[in-house]
Amino acid sequence: MRNRASEEHKTADVQNPSSEQKTQPSILLSRDQIEADYNISRRWLELAALTGDGPTFIKIGARTVRYRREELERWLSEREVRSTSETPYTSNTSNAYNSKLTAAEDKA
């Protein structure tokens, strides 16, 4: 009887491969780790978080944030250019800021 139960369990695993293959959790990086691994300064990341120009992050506590490695990699790849004359992707925050500047210039 044990053999039959064991065979049924093996059959269930074959029919449902996700039972053994769990998704790996995201690798979370601190700003210090990003600075060490990617040479992007901690201060730049802090300022980018204030303006919304940096990669998305997870706010864990009042002063603790983490970045998903895959999100950081995606954000970096969006900014690849072949020439200094090319403009990489710009965020909505930058566009809103530039719109305010343009509006202020128009009033002057």
Foldseek 3Di string as FASTA:
>chain_A
DVVVVVVVVVVVCVVPVCVPVPDDDFDWAFQVRCCVPVVDHSVNVVVCVVQVFAFDWADPDPPGIIDGPVRNVVRVVQQDDDDPPDGGDGDVSVVVVVVVVVVVVVVD
